[in-house]
């Protein structure tokens, strides 16, 4: 599956779709509820949330699933 915007090719169509959304359309649907930063992929948001683990932010435990 070839990208119509650049020279990238993908063996899986969903990877092409994600590439177009994130790189060319600049979509960032995954938002951090603690600082409002947005990410193109859930895995990037998950990695980002780990940076908040030691911060003292109201509601942090609820958003991170910490009790």
Protein backbone atom coordinates (compact mmCIF):
# COMPACT_ATOMS: atom_id res chain seq x y z
CA UNK A 1 0.00 0.00 0.00
CA UNK A 2 1.62 3.19 -1.22
CA UNK A 3 1.12 6.65 0.24
CA UNK A 4 -0.22 9.13 -2.32
CA UNK A 5 1.51 12.02 -0.53
CA UNK A 6 5.05 10.67 -0.25
CA UNK A 7 7.25 7.70 -1.22
CA UNK A 8 6.41 5.53 1.80
CA UNK A 9 4.95 2.05 1.28
CA UNK A 10 3.28 -0.23 3.80
CA UNK A 11 2.48 -3.94 3.76
CA UNK A 12 -0.61 -3.41 5.94
CA UNK A 13 -3.34 -0.95 4.93
CA UNK A 14 -4.05 0.16 8.51
CA UNK A 15 -0.41 1.25 8.84
CA UNK A 16 -0.81 3.40 5.73
CA UNK A 17 -4.01 4.91 7.15
CA UNK A 18 -2.29 5.71 10.46
CA UNK A 19 0.66 7.22 8.56
CA UNK A 20 -1.61 9.53 6.53
CA UNK A 21 -3.58 10.60 9.63
CA UNK A 22 -0.52 11.31 11.76
CA UNK A 23 2.02 12.61 9.24
CA UNK A 24 0.06 14.28 6.45
CA UNK A 25 -3.24 15.24 8.11
CA UNK A 26 -1.48 16.08 11.41
CA UNK A 27 -4.31 14.43 13.37
CA UNK A 28 -3.64 14.02 17.07
CA UNK A 29 -6.77 12.50 18.59
CA UNK A 30 -5.18 11.23 21.83
CA UNK A 31 -5.17 14.00 24.45
CA UNK A 32 -3.49 14.05 27.85
CA UNK A 33 -6.13 15.00 30.43
CA UNK A 34 -3.43 16.32 32.75
CA UNK A 35 -1.67 18.85 30.50
CA UNK A 36 -3.80 18.88 27.29
CA UNK A 37 -0.90 17.79 25.07
CA UNK A 38 -2.09 15.76 22.05
CA UNK A 39 -0.60 12.73 20.31
CA UNK A 40 -1.16 10.87 17.07
CA UNK A 41 -0.98 7.41 18.64
CA UNK A 42 -2.22 5.89 21.90
CA UNK A 43 1.21 4.40 22.58
CA UNK A 44 2.77 7.87 22.52
CA UNK A 45 0.15 9.16 24.96
CA UNK A 46 0.77 6.17 27.25
CA UNK A 47 4.51 6.88 27.25
CA UNK A 48 3.84 10.58 27.93
CA UNK A 49 1.52 9.79 30.87
CA UNK A 50 4.38 8.02 32.63
CA UNK A 51 6.13 11.39 32.84
CA UNK A 52 3.27 12.64 35.04
CA UNK A 53 3.55 9.77 37.55
CA UNK A 54 5.64 11.73 40.05
CA UNK A 55 3.93 15.10 39.60
CA UNK A 56 1.52 16.53 42.17
CA UNK A 57 -1.39 17.43 39.88
CA UNK A 58 -5.01 17.41 41.17
CA UNK A 59 -6.84 14.44 39.62
CA UNK A 60 -3.61 12.78 38.49
CA UNK A 61 -4.36 9.50 40.24
CA UNK A 62 -7.77 9.22 38.59
CA UNK A 63 -6.40 9.76 35.07
CA UNK A 64 -3.43 7.45 35.57
CA UNK A 65 -5.48 4.71 37.23
CA UNK A 66 -3.58 5.08 40.52
CA UNK A 67 -5.40 4.72 43.82
